[in-house]
Amino acid sequence: MRWFDDLAVLVTYRRKDPLYAVNLTDTAHPRLLGKARRPRLLLLPAPAREPGG
């Protein structure tokens, strides 16, 4: 799982490795923003680096 402020991105590693994006602005009511299925998805997205960092 990766956290980007109020966004969580996670992979379940089941069969076709679904990738989910979840809005956590209201933690009592998380909202699924989208999902994608990719065979053998191994890596989670890395946070973007600041210029010069």
PDB file of N, CA and C in Angstrom:
ATOM      1  N   MET A   1       0.846  -1.163   0.000  1.00  0.00           N
ATOM      2  CA  MET A   1       0.000   0.000   0.000  1.00  0.00           C
ATOM      3  C   MET A   1       0.897   1.234   0.000  1.00  0.00           C
ATOM      4  N   ARG A   2       0.475   2.232  -0.729  1.00  0.00           N
ATOM      5  CA  ARG A   2       1.158   3.526  -0.756  1.00  0.00           C
ATOM      6  C   ARG A   2       0.141   4.600  -0.365  1.00  0.00           C
ATOM      7  N   TRP A   3       0.622   5.606   0.344  1.00  0.00           N
ATOM      8  CA  TRP A   3      -0.211   6.720   0.772  1.00  0.00           C
ATOM      9  C   TRP A   3       0.242   7.991   0.072  1.00  0.00           C
ATOM     10  N   PHE A   4      -0.707   8.751  -0.442  1.00  0.00           N
ATOM     11  CA  PHE A   4      -0.456  10.050  -1.054  1.00  0.00           C
ATOM     12  C   PHE A   4      -1.480  11.013  -0.456  1.00  0.00           C
ATOM     13  N   ASP A   5      -1.132  11.663   0.643  1.00  0.00           N
ATOM     14  CA  ASP A   5      -2.060  12.538   1.377  1.00  0.00           C
ATOM     15  C   ASP A   5      -3.325  11.760   1.724  1.00  0.00           C
ATOM     16  N   ASP A   6      -4.462  12.083   1.100  1.00  0.00           N
ATOM     17  CA  ASP A   6      -5.727  11.405   1.402  1.00  0.00           C
ATOM     18  C   ASP A   6      -6.070  10.308   0.405  1.00  0.00           C
ATOM     19  N   LEU A   7      -5.061   9.793  -0.296  1.00  0.00           N
ATOM     20  CA  LEU A   7      -5.264   8.749  -1.294  1.00  0.00           C
ATOM     21  C   LEU A   7      -4.433   7.528  -0.916  1.00  0.00           C
ATOM     22  N   ALA A   8      -5.066   6.370  -0.934  1.00  0.00           N
ATOM     23  CA  ALA A   8      -4.346   5.113  -0.722  1.00  0.00           C
ATOM     24  C   ALA A   8      -4.392   4.322  -2.024  1.00  0.00           C
ATOM     25  N   VAL A   9      -3.256   3.753  -2.421  1.00  0.00           N
ATOM     26  CA  VAL A   9      -3.174   2.903  -3.609  1.00  0.00           C
ATOM     27  C   VAL A   9      -2.676   1.549  -3.126  1.00  0.00           C
ATOM     28  N   LEU A  10      -3.413   0.480  -3.444  1.00  0.00           N
ATOM     29  CA  LEU A  10      -3.032  -0.828  -2.932  1.00  0.00           C
ATOM     30  C   LEU A  10      -3.246  -1.924  -3.949  1.00  0.00           C
ATOM     31  N   VAL A  11      -2.504  -3.006  -3.768  1.00  0.00           N
ATOM     32  CA  VAL A  11      -2.604  -4.204  -4.605  1.00  0.00           C
ATOM     33  C   VAL A  11      -2.918  -5.368  -3.682  1.00  0.00           C
ATOM     34  N   THR A  12      -3.851  -6.237  -4.075  1.00  0.00           N
ATOM     35  CA  THR A  12      -4.238  -7.358  -3.226  1.00  0.00           C
ATOM     36  C   THR A  12      -3.398  -8.610  -3.480  1.00  0.00           C
ATOM     37  N   TYR A  13      -2.705  -8.681  -4.610  1.00  0.00           N
ATOM     38  CA  TYR A  13      -1.898  -9.847  -4.986  1.00  0.00           C
ATOM     39  C   TYR A  13      -2.728 -11.126  -5.065  1.00  0.00           C
ATOM     40  N   ARG A  14      -3.925 -11.022  -5.568  1.00  0.00           N
ATOM     41  CA  ARG A  14      -4.772 -12.184  -5.818  1.00  0.00           C
ATOM     42  C   ARG A  14      -4.938 -12.352  -7.320  1.00  0.00           C
ATOM     43  N   ARG A  15      -4.833 -13.543  -7.779  1.00  0.00           N
ATOM     44  CA  ARG A  15      -4.995 -13.910  -9.190  1.00  0.00           C
ATOM     45  C   ARG A  15      -4.419 -12.909 -10.172  1.00  0.00           C
ATOM     46  N   LYS A  16      -5.173 -11.874 -10.515  1.00  0.00           N
ATOM     47  CA  LYS A  16      -4.698 -10.914 -11.518  1.00  0.00           C
ATOM     48  C   LYS A  16      -4.222  -9.616 -10.894  1.00  0.00           C
ATOM     49  N   ASP A  17      -3.886  -9.659  -9.629  1.00  0.00           N
ATOM     50  CA  ASP A  17      -3.311  -8.508  -8.927  1.00  0.00           C
ATOM     51  C   ASP A  17      -4.093  -7.213  -9.133  1.00  0.00           C
ATOM     52  N   PRO A  18      -5.312  -7.130  -8.596  1.00  0.00           N
ATOM     53  CA  PRO A  18      -6.066  -5.882  -8.735  1.00  0.00           C
ATOM     54  C   PRO A  18      -5.372  -4.723  -8.030  1.00  0.00           C
ATOM     55  N   LEU A  19      -5.391  -3.574  -8.671  1.00  0.00           N
ATOM     56  CA  LEU A  19      -4.842  -2.343  -8.129  1.00  0.00           C
ATOM     57  C   LEU A  19      -6.020  -1.423  -7.822  1.00  0.00           C
ATOM     58  N   TYR A  20      -6.094  -0.925  -6.589  1.00  0.00           N
ATOM     59  CA  TYR A  20      -7.200  -0.079  -6.173  1.00  0.00           C
ATOM     60  C   TYR A  20      -6.692   1.296  -5.762  1.00  0.00           C
ATOM     61  N   ALA A  21      -7.503   2.333  -6.035  1.00  0.00           N
ATOM     62  CA  ALA A  21      -7.249   3.685  -5.546  1.00  0.00           C
ATOM     63  C   ALA A  21      -8.436   4.069  -4.666  1.00  0.00           C
ATOM     64  N   VAL A  22      -8.143   4.472  -3.423  1.00  0.00           N
ATOM     65  CA  VAL A  22      -9.188   4.750  -2.443  1.00  0.00           C
ATOM     66  C   VAL A  22      -9.011   6.169  -1.890  1.00  0.00           C
ATOM     67  N   ASN A  23     -10.084   6.951  -1.896  1.00  0.00           N
ATOM     68  CA  ASN A  23     -10.078   8.296  -1.336  1.00  0.00           C
ATOM     69  C   ASN A  23     -10.332   8.184   0.164  1.00  0.00           C
ATOM     70  N   LEU A  24      -9.390   8.703   0.974  1.00  0.00           N
ATOM     71  CA  LEU A  24      -9.496   8.624   2.427  1.00  0.00           C
ATOM     72  C   LEU A  24      -9.730   9.997   3.062  1.00  0.00           C
ATOM     73  N   THR A  25     -10.288  10.935   2.305  1.00  0.00           N
ATOM     74  CA  THR A  25     -10.581  12.258   2.848  1.00  0.00           C
ATOM     75  C   THR A  25     -11.484  12.135   4.069  1.00  0.00           C
ATOM     76  N   ASP A  26     -12.508  11.297   3.984  1.00  0.00           N
ATOM     77  CA  ASP A  26     -13.398  11.007   5.112  1.00  0.00           C
ATOM     78  C   ASP A  26     -13.097   9.569   5.532  1.00  0.00           C
ATOM     79  N   THR A  27     -12.254   9.388   6.547  1.00  0.00           N
ATOM     80  CA  THR A  27     -11.812   8.041   6.916  1.00  0.00           C
ATOM     81  C   THR A  27     -12.938   7.160   7.440  1.00  0.00           C
ATOM     82  N   ALA A  28     -14.029   7.755   7.893  1.00  0.00           N
ATOM     83  CA  ALA A  28     -15.181   6.958   8.321  1.00  0.00           C
ATOM     84  C   ALA A  28     -15.930   6.376   7.129  1.00  0.00           C
ATOM     85  N   HIS A  29     -15.746   6.994   5.953  1.00  0.00           N
ATOM     86  CA  HIS A  29     -16.428   6.551   4.726  1.00  0.00           C
ATOM     87  C   HIS A  29     -15.457   6.585   3.550  1.00  0.00           C
ATOM     88  N   PRO A  30     -14.473   5.656   3.515  1.00  0.00           N
ATOM     89  CA  PRO A  30     -13.543   5.635   2.373  1.00  0.00           C
ATOM     90  C   PRO A  30     -14.301   5.383   1.075  1.00  0.00           C
ATOM     91  N   ARG A  31     -13.810   5.982  -0.013  1.00  0.00           N
ATOM     92  CA  ARG A  31     -14.501   5.877  -1.305  1.00  0.00           C
ATOM     93  C   ARG A  31     -13.552   5.299  -2.352  1.00  0.00           C
ATOM     94  N   LEU A  32     -13.992   4.235  -3.000  1.00  0.00           N
ATOM     95  CA  LEU A  32     -13.213   3.629  -4.080  1.00  0.00           C
ATOM     96  C   LEU A  32     -13.256   4.554  -5.293  1.00  0.00           C
ATOM     97  N   LEU A  33     -12.080   4.990  -5.742  1.00  0.00           N
ATOM     98  CA  LEU A  33     -12.002   5.881  -6.901  1.00  0.00           C
ATOM     99  C   LEU A  33     -11.866   5.102  -8.200  1.00  0.00           C
ATOM    100  N   GLY A  34     -11.209   3.953  -8.133  1.00  0.00           N
ATOM    101  CA  GLY A  34     -11.025   3.162  -9.346  1.00  0.00           C
ATOM    102  C   GLY A  34     -10.233   1.912  -9.064  1.00  0.00           C
ATOM    103  N   LYS A  35     -10.248   1.006 -10.040  1.00  0.00           N
ATOM    104  CA  LYS A  35      -9.469  -0.225  -9.925  1.00  0.00           C
ATOM    105  C   LYS A  35      -9.034  -0.663 -11.309  1.00  0.00           C
ATOM    106  N   ALA A  36      -7.962  -1.414 -11.331  1.00  0.00           N
ATOM    107  CA  ALA A  36      -7.433  -1.942 -12.591  1.00  0.00           C
ATOM    108  C   ALA A  36      -6.925  -3.350 -12.320  1.00  0.00           C
ATOM    109  N   ARG A  37      -7.055  -4.219 -13.289  1.00  0.00           N
ATOM    110  CA  ARG A  37      -6.532  -5.574 -13.161  1.00  0.00           C
ATOM    111  C   ARG A  37      -5.425  -5.765 -14.174  1.00  0.00           C
ATOM    112  N   ARG A  38      -4.264  -6.131 -13.668  1.00  0.00           N
ATOM    113  CA  ARG A  38      -3.098  -6.362 -14.515  1.00  0.00           C
ATOM    114  C   ARG A  38      -2.493  -7.699 -14.133  1.00  0.00           C
ATOM    115  N   PRO A  39      -2.241  -8.565 -15.087  1.00  0.00           N
ATOM    116  CA  PRO A  39      -1.566  -9.818 -14.742  1.00  0.00           C
ATOM    117  C   PRO A  39      -0.146  -9.549 -14.266  1.00  0.00           C
ATOM    118  N   ARG A  40       0.200 -10.169 -13.154  1.00  0.00           N
ATOM    119  CA  ARG A  40       1.551 -10.108 -12.599  1.00  0.00           C
ATOM    120  C   ARG A  40       2.037  -8.690 -12.318  1.00  0.00           C
ATOM    121  N   LEU A  41       1.165  -7.860 -11.813  1.00  0.00           N
ATOM    122  CA  LEU A  41       1.562  -6.525 -11.390  1.00  0.00           C
ATOM    123  C   LEU A  41       2.376  -6.682 -10.112  1.00  0.00           C
ATOM    124  N   LEU A  42       3.631  -6.322 -10.145  1.00  0.00           N
ATOM    125  CA  LEU A  42       4.522  -6.591  -9.025  1.00  0.00           C
ATOM    126  C   LEU A  42       4.841  -5.372  -8.178  1.00  0.00           C
ATOM    127  N   LEU A  43       4.765  -4.186  -8.745  1.00  0.00           N
ATOM    128  CA  LEU A  43       5.205  -2.998  -8.034  1.00  0.00           C
ATOM    129  C   LEU A  43       4.066  -2.023  -7.826  1.00  0.00           C
ATOM    130  N   LEU A  44       4.102  -1.353  -6.692  1.00  0.00           N
ATOM    131  CA  LEU A  44       3.167  -0.263  -6.445  1.00  0.00           C
ATOM    132  C   LEU A  44       3.786   1.016  -6.967  1.00  0.00           C
ATOM    133  N   PRO A  45       2.989   1.991  -7.316  1.00  0.00           N
ATOM    134  CA  PRO A  45       3.553   3.257  -7.781  1.00  0.00           C
ATOM    135  C   PRO A  45       4.388   3.906  -6.692  1.00  0.00           C
ATOM    136  N   ALA A  46       5.497   4.466  -7.073  1.00  0.00           N
ATOM    137  CA  ALA A  46       6.369   5.163  -6.140  1.00  0.00           C
ATOM    138  C   ALA A  46       5.948   6.621  -6.066  1.00  0.00           C
ATOM    139  N   PRO A  47       6.094   7.248  -4.917  1.00  0.00           N
ATOM    140  CA  PRO A  47       5.746   8.675  -4.817  1.00  0.00           C
ATOM    141  C   PRO A  47       6.607   9.497  -5.771  1.00  0.00           C
ATOM    142  N   ALA A  48       5.994  10.530  -6.312  1.00  0.00           N
ATOM    143  CA  ALA A  48       6.723  11.428  -7.207  1.00  0.00           C
ATOM    144  C   ALA A  48       7.751  12.207  -6.387  1.00  0.00           C
ATOM    145  N   ARG A  49       8.913  12.420  -6.947  1.00  0.00           N
ATOM    146  CA  ARG A  49       9.955  13.166  -6.254  1.00  0.00           C
ATOM    147  C   ARG A  49       9.843  14.633  -6.584  1.00  0.00           C
ATOM    148  N   GLU A  50      10.219  15.432  -5.627  1.00  0.00           N
ATOM    149  CA  GLU A  50      10.260  16.881  -5.840  1.00  0.00           C
ATOM    150  C   GLU A  50      11.416  17.189  -6.789  1.00  0.00           C
ATOM    151  N   PRO A  51      11.281  18.215  -7.634  1.00  0.00           N
ATOM    152  CA  PRO A  51      12.388  18.584  -8.517  1.00  0.00           C
ATOM    153  C   PRO A  51      13.655  18.861  -7.700  1.00  0.00           C
ATOM    154  N   GLY A  52      14.761  18.289  -8.133  1.00  0.00           N
ATOM    155  CA  GLY A  52      16.023  18.471  -7.454  1.00  0.00           C
ATOM    156  C   GLY A  52      16.205  17.596  -6.227  1.00  0.00           C
ATOM    157  N   GLY A  53      15.228  16.648  -5.999  1.00  0.00           N
ATOM    158  CA  GLY A  53      15.311  15.841  -4.770  1.00  0.00           C
ATOM    159  C   GLY A  53      15.698  14.442  -4.970  1.00  0.00           C
TER     160      GLY A  53
END
